[in-house]
Amino acid sequence: MKSLLRPFLPSIGQLSLCLAVSVAAMFTTACDNQRISELEEGVATEGDVKMKFGEPEKIWEGENGGRIFEYNRQPAGAKNYMISIGPDGKMSSLRQVLAPHVFAKIEPGMPMEAVRKMLGKPMKITPFELKNVWHYDWRYMDGPNASDARIFTVVFNSDLRVVSTGSVADPALSPN
Protein backbone atom coordinates (compact mmCIF):
# COMPACT_ATOMS: atom_id res chain seq x y z
CA MET A 1 0.00 0.00 0.00
CA LYS A 2 2.84 2.41 0.81
CA SER A 3 4.24 2.05 -2.69
CA LEU A 4 0.92 3.17 -4.18
CA LEU A 5 0.98 6.38 -2.12
CA ARG A 6 4.67 7.21 -2.67
CA PRO A 7 4.08 9.37 -5.82
CA PHE A 8 1.50 11.44 -3.94
CA LEU A 9 3.40 12.03 -0.69
CA PRO A 10 5.41 15.09 -1.80
CA SER A 11 2.29 16.78 -3.12
CA ILE A 12 0.34 15.91 0.05
CA GLY A 13 3.14 17.49 2.13
CA GLN A 14 3.13 20.63 0.00
CA LEU A 15 -0.66 20.78 0.15
CA SER A 16 -0.54 20.49 3.96
CA LEU A 17 2.04 23.28 4.17
CA CYS A 18 0.02 25.47 1.81
CA LEU A 19 -3.12 24.86 3.86
CA ALA A 20 -1.34 25.59 7.15
CA VAL A 21 0.13 28.86 5.85
CA SER A 22 -3.22 29.92 4.36
CA VAL A 23 -5.17 29.14 7.54
CA ALA A 24 -2.64 30.94 9.75
CA ALA A 25 -2.70 33.97 7.46
CA MET A 26 -6.51 33.96 7.36
CA PHE A 27 -6.91 33.92 11.15
CA THR A 28 -4.21 36.54 11.68
CA THR A 29 -5.74 38.77 9.01
CA ALA A 30 -9.26 38.42 10.42
CA CYS A 31 -8.11 39.33 13.94
CA ASP A 32 -5.96 42.19 12.67
CA ASN A 33 -8.80 43.59 10.54
CA GLN A 34 -11.04 43.67 13.64
CA ARG A 35 -8.34 45.37 15.70
CA ILE A 36 -7.60 47.93 12.98
CA SER A 37 -11.28 48.83 12.56
CA GLU A 38 -11.45 49.66 16.28
CA LEU A 39 -8.56 52.16 16.14
CA GLU A 40 -8.93 55.66 14.68
CA GLU A 41 -5.96 57.81 13.70
CA GLY A 42 -5.69 60.94 15.83
CA VAL A 43 -8.11 59.51 18.41
CA ALA A 44 -6.71 56.17 19.59
CA THR A 45 -4.06 56.40 22.28
CA GLU A 46 -0.91 54.36 22.83
CA GLY A 47 -2.87 52.46 25.50
CA ASP A 48 -5.64 51.68 22.98
CA VAL A 49 -3.08 50.34 20.51
CA LYS A 50 -1.44 48.12 23.12
CA MET A 51 -4.84 46.91 24.32
CA LYS A 52 -5.75 45.79 20.77
CA PHE A 53 -2.36 44.58 19.49
CA GLY A 54 -0.43 43.83 22.71
CA GLU A 55 3.16 44.81 23.33
CA PRO A 56 5.05 45.66 20.13
CA GLU A 57 7.82 43.42 18.80
CA LYS A 58 10.06 46.50 18.70
CA ILE A 59 9.71 50.21 19.34
CA TRP A 60 11.50 52.47 16.87
CA GLU A 61 12.30 56.14 17.34
CA GLY A 62 9.99 58.27 15.20
CA GLU A 63 9.95 61.89 14.10
CA ASN A 64 9.66 64.81 16.54
CA GLY A 65 9.74 62.58 19.62
CA GLY A 66 7.17 60.11 18.32
CA ARG A 67 7.59 56.35 18.33
CA ILE A 68 6.83 53.56 15.88
CA PHE A 69 5.48 50.27 17.18
CA GLU A 70 6.37 47.20 15.13
CA TYR A 71 3.83 44.36 15.04
CA ASN A 72 5.31 41.43 13.18
CA ARG A 73 3.22 38.70 11.54
CA GLN A 74 6.15 36.70 10.11
CA PRO A 75 6.91 33.83 9.51
CA ALA A 76 3.41 32.37 8.95
CA GLY A 77 1.66 35.65 8.20
CA ALA A 78 2.14 37.90 5.20
CA LYS A 79 1.86 41.31 6.88
CA ASN A 80 3.85 43.50 9.24
CA TYR A 81 2.30 46.59 10.81
CA MET A 82 4.03 49.80 11.81
CA ILE A 83 1.90 51.96 14.10
CA SER A 84 3.10 55.52 14.68
CA ILE A 85 2.44 57.16 18.03
CA GLY A 86 2.88 60.93 18.07
CA PRO A 87 4.54 62.91 20.87
CA ASP A 88 1.01 63.56 22.19
CA GLY A 89 0.51 59.81 22.80
CA LYS A 90 -2.07 59.44 20.00
CA MET A 91 -1.88 57.05 17.07
CA SER A 92 -0.97 59.07 13.99
CA SER A 93 -0.80 56.22 11.46
CA LEU A 94 -1.24 52.48 11.08
CA ARG A 95 0.21 50.89 7.97
CA GLN A 96 0.86 47.42 6.64
CA VAL A 97 4.39 47.66 5.27
CA LEU A 98 4.94 44.45 3.28
CA ALA A 99 3.93 45.74 -0.13
CA PRO A 100 5.63 46.44 -3.49
CA HIS A 101 5.34 50.24 -3.11
CA VAL A 102 7.33 50.04 0.15
CA PHE A 103 9.85 47.56 -1.31
CA ALA A 104 10.51 50.04 -4.14
CA LYS A 105 11.97 52.50 -1.59
CA ILE A 106 14.80 50.12 -0.69
CA GLU A 107 17.98 51.10 -2.53
CA PRO A 108 21.51 49.69 -2.79
CA GLY A 109 23.74 50.98 -0.02
CA MET A 110 20.90 51.43 2.46
CA PRO A 111 21.82 50.17 5.96
CA MET A 112 20.14 47.06 7.34
CA GLU A 113 18.72 49.00 10.30
CA ALA A 114 16.84 51.34 7.92
CA VAL A 115 15.38 48.36 6.04
CA ARG A 116 14.31 46.72 9.31
CA LYS A 117 12.65 49.98 10.37
CA MET A 118 10.74 50.04 7.06
CA LEU A 119 9.70 46.36 6.86
CA GLY A 120 9.88 44.92 10.35
CA LYS A 121 11.44 41.65 11.38
CA PRO A 122 11.98 39.23 8.47
CA MET A 123 10.54 35.73 8.41
CA LYS A 124 14.00 34.26 7.76
CA ILE A 125 17.66 35.32 7.69
CA THR A 126 20.04 33.14 5.69
CA PRO A 127 23.80 33.69 5.90
CA PHE A 128 25.93 32.77 2.89
CA GLU A 129 29.32 32.81 4.58
CA LEU A 130 31.43 31.98 1.52
CA LYS A 131 29.95 34.92 -0.38
CA ASN A 132 29.89 37.03 2.80
CA VAL A 133 26.25 38.07 2.26
CA TRP A 134 22.98 37.65 4.15
CA HIS A 135 19.52 37.19 2.66
CA TYR A 136 16.61 38.62 4.65
CA ASP A 137 13.22 37.25 3.51
CA TRP A 138 9.69 38.54 4.11
CA ARG A 139 6.51 36.73 3.04
CA TYR A 140 3.83 38.99 1.54
CA MET A 141 0.69 38.80 -0.59
CA ASP A 142 0.71 40.34 -4.06
CA GLY A 143 -3.00 39.72 -4.62
CA PRO A 144 -6.07 38.23 -2.95
CA ASN A 145 -5.43 34.52 -3.60
CA ALA A 146 -3.18 32.06 -1.73
CA SER A 147 -1.31 31.58 -5.01
CA ASP A 148 -0.33 35.28 -4.84
CA ALA A 149 1.99 34.62 -1.87
CA ARG A 150 5.51 35.85 -2.59
CA ILE A 151 8.86 36.20 -0.86
CA PHE A 152 10.69 39.53 -0.92
CA THR A 153 14.45 39.20 -0.38
CA VAL A 154 16.99 41.85 0.51
CA VAL A 155 20.66 40.87 0.12
CA PHE A 156 23.11 42.55 2.51
CA ASN A 157 26.91 42.62 2.25
CA SER A 158 29.40 42.25 5.13
CA ASP A 159 28.87 45.92 6.05
CA LEU A 160 25.13 45.18 6.39
CA ARG A 161 24.31 47.41 3.44
CA VAL A 162 21.80 46.54 0.72
CA VAL A 163 23.36 44.92 -2.34
CA SER A 164 20.16 43.93 -4.16
CA THR A 165 16.49 43.04 -3.77
CA GLY A 166 14.14 40.64 -5.49
CA SER A 167 10.81 38.90 -5.28
CA VAL A 168 9.78 35.34 -6.14
CA ALA A 169 6.71 33.15 -5.78
CA ASP A 170 6.57 31.59 -2.32
CA PRO A 171 8.14 28.13 -2.75
CA ALA A 172 6.08 26.80 0.19
CA LEU A 173 2.98 27.33 -1.95
CA SER A 174 4.49 26.32 -5.28
CA PRO A 175 2.98 23.20 -6.88
CA ASN A 176 6.41 21.83 -7.93
C-alpha atoms as a PDB file:
ATOM      1  CA  MET A   1       0.000   0.000   0.000  1.00  0.00           C
ATOM      2  CA  LYS A   2       2.842   2.407   0.812  1.00  0.00           C
ATOM      3  CA  SER A   3       4.244   2.047  -2.688  1.00  0.00           C
ATOM      4  CA  LEU A   4       0.917   3.174  -4.176  1.00  0.00           C
ATOM      5  CA  LEU A   5       0.977   6.382  -2.117  1.00  0.00           C
ATOM      6  CA  ARG A   6       4.667   7.206  -2.675  1.00  0.00           C
ATOM      7  CA  PRO A   7       4.085   9.367  -5.819  1.00  0.00           C
ATOM      8  CA  PHE A   8       1.503  11.443  -3.942  1.00  0.00           C
ATOM      9  CA  LEU A   9       3.402  12.026  -0.692  1.00  0.00           C
ATOM     10  CA  PRO A  10       5.413  15.086  -1.800  1.00  0.00           C
ATOM     11  CA  SER A  11       2.291  16.783  -3.124  1.00  0.00           C
ATOM     12  CA  ILE A  12       0.343  15.914   0.049  1.00  0.00           C
ATOM     13  CA  GLY A  13       3.139  17.487   2.129  1.00  0.00           C
ATOM     14  CA  GLN A  14       3.130  20.626  -0.004  1.00  0.00           C
ATOM     15  CA  LEU A  15      -0.662  20.783   0.154  1.00  0.00           C
ATOM     16  CA  SER A  16      -0.542  20.493   3.955  1.00  0.00           C
ATOM     17  CA  LEU A  17       2.043  23.278   4.171  1.00  0.00           C
ATOM     18  CA  CYS A  18       0.018  25.470   1.814  1.00  0.00           C
ATOM     19  CA  LEU A  19      -3.123  24.859   3.859  1.00  0.00           C
ATOM     20  CA  ALA A  20      -1.338  25.590   7.154  1.00  0.00           C
ATOM     21  CA  VAL A  21       0.126  28.861   5.852  1.00  0.00           C
ATOM     22  CA  SER A  22      -3.220  29.919   4.360  1.00  0.00           C
ATOM     23  CA  VAL A  23      -5.173  29.143   7.536  1.00  0.00           C
ATOM     24  CA  ALA A  24      -2.636  30.940   9.753  1.00  0.00           C
ATOM     25  CA  ALA A  25      -2.696  33.974   7.462  1.00  0.00           C
ATOM     26  CA  MET A  26      -6.506  33.959   7.356  1.00  0.00           C
ATOM     27  CA  PHE A  27      -6.906  33.919  11.152  1.00  0.00           C
ATOM     28  CA  THR A  28      -4.206  36.541  11.685  1.00  0.00           C
ATOM     29  CA  THR A  29      -5.738  38.772   9.009  1.00  0.00           C
ATOM     30  CA  ALA A  30      -9.256  38.419  10.418  1.00  0.00           C
ATOM     31  CA  CYS A  31      -8.106  39.329  13.940  1.00  0.00           C
ATOM     32  CA  ASP A  32      -5.964  42.189  12.669  1.00  0.00           C
ATOM     33  CA  ASN A  33      -8.799  43.593  10.538  1.00  0.00           C
ATOM     34  CA  GLN A  34     -11.042  43.670  13.636  1.00  0.00           C
ATOM     35  CA  ARG A  35      -8.335  45.373  15.697  1.00  0.00           C
ATOM     36  CA  ILE A  36      -7.602  47.931  12.977  1.00  0.00           C
ATOM     37  CA  SER A  37     -11.279  48.829  12.558  1.00  0.00           C
ATOM     38  CA  GLU A  38     -11.451  49.664  16.277  1.00  0.00           C
ATOM     39  CA  LEU A  39      -8.560  52.165  16.138  1.00  0.00           C
ATOM     40  CA  GLU A  40      -8.927  55.657  14.684  1.00  0.00           C
ATOM     41  CA  GLU A  41      -5.961  57.807  13.701  1.00  0.00           C
ATOM     42  CA  GLY A  42      -5.687  60.940  15.831  1.00  0.00           C
ATOM     43  CA  VAL A  43      -8.105  59.515  18.415  1.00  0.00           C
ATOM     44  CA  ALA A  44      -6.708  56.167  19.586  1.00  0.00           C
ATOM     45  CA  THR A  45      -4.062  56.395  22.279  1.00  0.00           C
ATOM     46  CA  GLU A  46      -0.910  54.365  22.825  1.00  0.00           C
ATOM     47  CA  GLY A  47      -2.870  52.463  25.498  1.00  0.00           C
ATOM     48  CA  ASP A  48      -5.642  51.676  22.984  1.00  0.00           C
ATOM     49  CA  VAL A  49      -3.077  50.337  20.506  1.00  0.00           C
ATOM     50  CA  LYS A  50      -1.444  48.124  23.124  1.00  0.00           C
ATOM     51  CA  MET A  51      -4.842  46.905  24.325  1.00  0.00           C
ATOM     52  CA  LYS A  52      -5.752  45.792  20.771  1.00  0.00           C
ATOM     53  CA  PHE A  53      -2.356  44.583  19.492  1.00  0.00           C
ATOM     54  CA  GLY A  54      -0.428  43.829  22.708  1.00  0.00           C
ATOM     55  CA  GLU A  55       3.164  44.807  23.333  1.00  0.00           C
ATOM     56  CA  PRO A  56       5.048  45.659  20.130  1.00  0.00           C
ATOM     57  CA  GLU A  57       7.819  43.423  18.802  1.00  0.00           C
ATOM     58  CA  LYS A  58      10.056  46.495  18.703  1.00  0.00           C
ATOM     59  CA  ILE A  59       9.708  50.207  19.336  1.00  0.00           C
ATOM     60  CA  TRP A  60      11.502  52.473  16.865  1.00  0.00           C
ATOM     61  CA  GLU A  61      12.302  56.142  17.337  1.00  0.00           C
ATOM     62  CA  GLY A  62       9.988  58.267  15.202  1.00  0.00           C
ATOM     63  CA  GLU A  63       9.945  61.885  14.098  1.00  0.00           C
ATOM     64  CA  ASN A  64       9.662  64.809  16.544  1.00  0.00           C
ATOM     65  CA  GLY A  65       9.735  62.579  19.619  1.00  0.00           C
ATOM     66  CA  GLY A  66       7.171  60.112  18.317  1.00  0.00           C
ATOM     67  CA  ARG A  67       7.587  56.349  18.326  1.00  0.00           C
ATOM     68  CA  ILE A  68       6.831  53.563  15.878  1.00  0.00           C
ATOM     69  CA  PHE A  69       5.479  50.266  17.184  1.00  0.00           C
ATOM     70  CA  GLU A  70       6.372  47.197  15.127  1.00  0.00           C
ATOM     71  CA  TYR A  71       3.833  44.361  15.039  1.00  0.00           C
ATOM     72  CA  ASN A  72       5.314  41.428  13.182  1.00  0.00           C
ATOM     73  CA  ARG A  73       3.216  38.705  11.539  1.00  0.00           C
ATOM     74  CA  GLN A  74       6.145  36.704  10.105  1.00  0.00           C
ATOM     75  CA  PRO A  75       6.909  33.826   9.505  1.00  0.00           C
ATOM     76  CA  ALA A  76       3.412  32.373   8.954  1.00  0.00           C
ATOM     77  CA  GLY A  77       1.663  35.647   8.197  1.00  0.00           C
ATOM     78  CA  ALA A  78       2.139  37.903   5.201  1.00  0.00           C
ATOM     79  CA  LYS A  79       1.862  41.307   6.876  1.00  0.00           C
ATOM     80  CA  ASN A  80       3.850  43.500   9.238  1.00  0.00           C
ATOM     81  CA  TYR A  81       2.303  46.587  10.809  1.00  0.00           C
ATOM     82  CA  MET A  82       4.025  49.803  11.810  1.00  0.00           C
ATOM     83  CA  ILE A  83       1.899  51.964  14.097  1.00  0.00           C
ATOM     84  CA  SER A  84       3.099  55.520  14.682  1.00  0.00           C
ATOM     85  CA  ILE A  85       2.441  57.156  18.030  1.00  0.00           C
ATOM     86  CA  GLY A  86       2.880  60.931  18.071  1.00  0.00           C
ATOM     87  CA  PRO A  87       4.539  62.910  20.869  1.00  0.00           C
ATOM     88  CA  ASP A  88       1.010  63.564  22.185  1.00  0.00           C
ATOM     89  CA  GLY A  89       0.513  59.814  22.798  1.00  0.00           C
ATOM     90  CA  LYS A  90      -2.070  59.442  19.998  1.00  0.00           C
ATOM     91  CA  MET A  91      -1.883  57.054  17.073  1.00  0.00           C
ATOM     92  CA  SER A  92      -0.969  59.072  13.992  1.00  0.00           C
ATOM     93  CA  SER A  93      -0.799  56.224  11.457  1.00  0.00           C
ATOM     94  CA  LEU A  94      -1.238  52.482  11.078  1.00  0.00           C
ATOM     95  CA  ARG A  95       0.210  50.894   7.975  1.00  0.00           C
ATOM     96  CA  GLN A  96       0.859  47.419   6.639  1.00  0.00           C
ATOM     97  CA  VAL A  97       4.394  47.665   5.266  1.00  0.00           C
ATOM     98  CA  LEU A  98       4.937  44.450   3.277  1.00  0.00           C
ATOM     99  CA  ALA A  99       3.926  45.739  -0.134  1.00  0.00           C
ATOM    100  CA  PRO A 100       5.632  46.444  -3.487  1.00  0.00           C
ATOM    101  CA  HIS A 101       5.343  50.244  -3.111  1.00  0.00           C
ATOM    102  CA  VAL A 102       7.333  50.035   0.150  1.00  0.00           C
ATOM    103  CA  PHE A 103       9.854  47.563  -1.308  1.00  0.00           C
ATOM    104  CA  ALA A 104      10.505  50.045  -4.144  1.00  0.00           C
ATOM    105  CA  LYS A 105      11.972  52.495  -1.592  1.00  0.00           C
ATOM    106  CA  ILE A 106      14.799  50.119  -0.691  1.00  0.00           C
ATOM    107  CA  GLU A 107      17.976  51.100  -2.530  1.00  0.00           C
ATOM    108  CA  PRO A 108      21.507  49.690  -2.794  1.00  0.00           C
ATOM    109  CA  GLY A 109      23.741  50.983  -0.018  1.00  0.00           C
ATOM    110  CA  MET A 110      20.899  51.432   2.460  1.00  0.00           C
ATOM    111  CA  PRO A 111      21.824  50.174   5.965  1.00  0.00           C
ATOM    112  CA  MET A 112      20.139  47.063   7.344  1.00  0.00           C
ATOM    113  CA  GLU A 113      18.719  48.997  10.301  1.00  0.00           C
ATOM    114  CA  ALA A 114      16.843  51.340   7.922  1.00  0.00           C
ATOM    115  CA  VAL A 115      15.384  48.360   6.041  1.00  0.00           C
ATOM    116  CA  ARG A 116      14.308  46.724   9.308  1.00  0.00           C
ATOM    117  CA  LYS A 117      12.648  49.976  10.373  1.00  0.00           C
ATOM    118  CA  MET A 118      10.741  50.042   7.064  1.00  0.00           C
ATOM    119  CA  LEU A 119       9.703  46.358   6.855  1.00  0.00           C
ATOM    120  CA  GLY A 120       9.876  44.921  10.352  1.00  0.00           C
ATOM    121  CA  LYS A 121      11.436  41.653  11.378  1.00  0.00           C
ATOM    122  CA  PRO A 122      11.981  39.234   8.474  1.00  0.00           C
ATOM    123  CA  MET A 123      10.540  35.726   8.409  1.00  0.00           C
ATOM    124  CA  LYS A 124      14.002  34.263   7.757  1.00  0.00           C
ATOM    125  CA  ILE A 125      17.655  35.321   7.686  1.00  0.00           C
ATOM    126  CA  THR A 126      20.039  33.144   5.690  1.00  0.00           C
ATOM    127  CA  PRO A 127      23.804  33.694   5.903  1.00  0.00           C
ATOM    128  CA  PHE A 128      25.925  32.769   2.886  1.00  0.00           C
ATOM    129  CA  GLU A 129      29.320  32.805   4.578  1.00  0.00           C
ATOM    130  CA  LEU A 130      31.427  31.977   1.519  1.00  0.00           C
ATOM    131  CA  LYS A 131      29.949  34.924  -0.376  1.00  0.00           C
ATOM    132  CA  ASN A 132      29.891  37.027   2.796  1.00  0.00           C
ATOM    133  CA  VAL A 133      26.250  38.072   2.259  1.00  0.00           C
ATOM    134  CA  TRP A 134      22.981  37.653   4.146  1.00  0.00           C
ATOM    135  CA  HIS A 135      19.517  37.190   2.663  1.00  0.00           C
ATOM    136  CA  TYR A 136      16.605  38.615   4.650  1.00  0.00           C
ATOM    137  CA  ASP A 137      13.222  37.246   3.505  1.00  0.00           C
ATOM    138  CA  TRP A 138       9.693  38.544   4.106  1.00  0.00           C
ATOM    139  CA  ARG A 139       6.506  36.731   3.039  1.00  0.00           C
ATOM    140  CA  TYR A 140       3.828  38.985   1.540  1.00  0.00           C
ATOM    141  CA  MET A 141       0.688  38.801  -0.594  1.00  0.00           C
ATOM    142  CA  ASP A 142       0.707  40.341  -4.060  1.00  0.00           C
ATOM    143  CA  GLY A 143      -3.004  39.724  -4.616  1.00  0.00           C
ATOM    144  CA  PRO A 144      -6.073  38.233  -2.953  1.00  0.00           C
ATOM    145  CA  ASN A 145      -5.431  34.517  -3.599  1.00  0.00           C
ATOM    146  CA  ALA A 146      -3.184  32.056  -1.735  1.00  0.00           C
ATOM    147  CA  SER A 147      -1.311  31.580  -5.012  1.00  0.00           C
ATOM    148  CA  ASP A 148      -0.334  35.278  -4.839  1.00  0.00           C
ATOM    149  CA  ALA A 149       1.994  34.622  -1.874  1.00  0.00           C
ATOM    150  CA  ARG A 150       5.515  35.850  -2.588  1.00  0.00           C
ATOM    151  CA  ILE A 151       8.858  36.202  -0.857  1.00  0.00           C
ATOM    152  CA  PHE A 152      10.687  39.535  -0.925  1.00  0.00           C
ATOM    153  CA  THR A 153      14.450  39.202  -0.382  1.00  0.00           C
ATOM    154  CA  VAL A 154      16.991  41.852   0.515  1.00  0.00           C
ATOM    155  CA  VAL A 155      20.660  40.871   0.125  1.00  0.00           C
ATOM    156  CA  PHE A 156      23.107  42.555   2.514  1.00  0.00           C
ATOM    157  CA  ASN A 157      26.905  42.623   2.253  1.00  0.00           C
ATOM    158  CA  SER A 158      29.405  42.249   5.129  1.00  0.00           C
ATOM    159  CA  ASP A 159      28.875  45.922   6.046  1.00  0.00           C
ATOM    160  CA  LEU A 160      25.129  45.180   6.391  1.00  0.00           C
ATOM    161  CA  ARG A 161      24.312  47.415   3.438  1.00  0.00           C
ATOM    162  CA  VAL A 162      21.803  46.538   0.717  1.00  0.00           C
ATOM    163  CA  VAL A 163      23.356  44.924  -2.339  1.00  0.00           C
ATOM    164  CA  SER A 164      20.155  43.933  -4.160  1.00  0.00           C
ATOM    165  CA  THR A 165      16.488  43.040  -3.766  1.00  0.00           C
ATOM    166  CA  GLY A 166      14.139  40.644  -5.488  1.00  0.00           C
ATOM    167  CA  SER A 167      10.810  38.905  -5.275  1.00  0.00           C
ATOM    168  CA  VAL A 168       9.778  35.337  -6.144  1.00  0.00           C
ATOM    169  CA  ALA A 169       6.707  33.147  -5.775  1.00  0.00           C
ATOM    170  CA  ASP A 170       6.574  31.591  -2.324  1.00  0.00           C
ATOM    171  CA  PRO A 171       8.140  28.133  -2.748  1.00  0.00           C
ATOM    172  CA  ALA A 172       6.076  26.801   0.186  1.00  0.00           C
ATOM    173  CA  LEU A 173       2.976  27.325  -1.948  1.00  0.00           C
ATOM    174  CA  SER A 174       4.494  26.319  -5.276  1.00  0.00           C
ATOM    175  CA  PRO A 175       2.977  23.196  -6.881  1.00  0.00           C
ATOM    176  CA  ASN A 176       6.411  21.832  -7.933  1.00  0.00           C
END
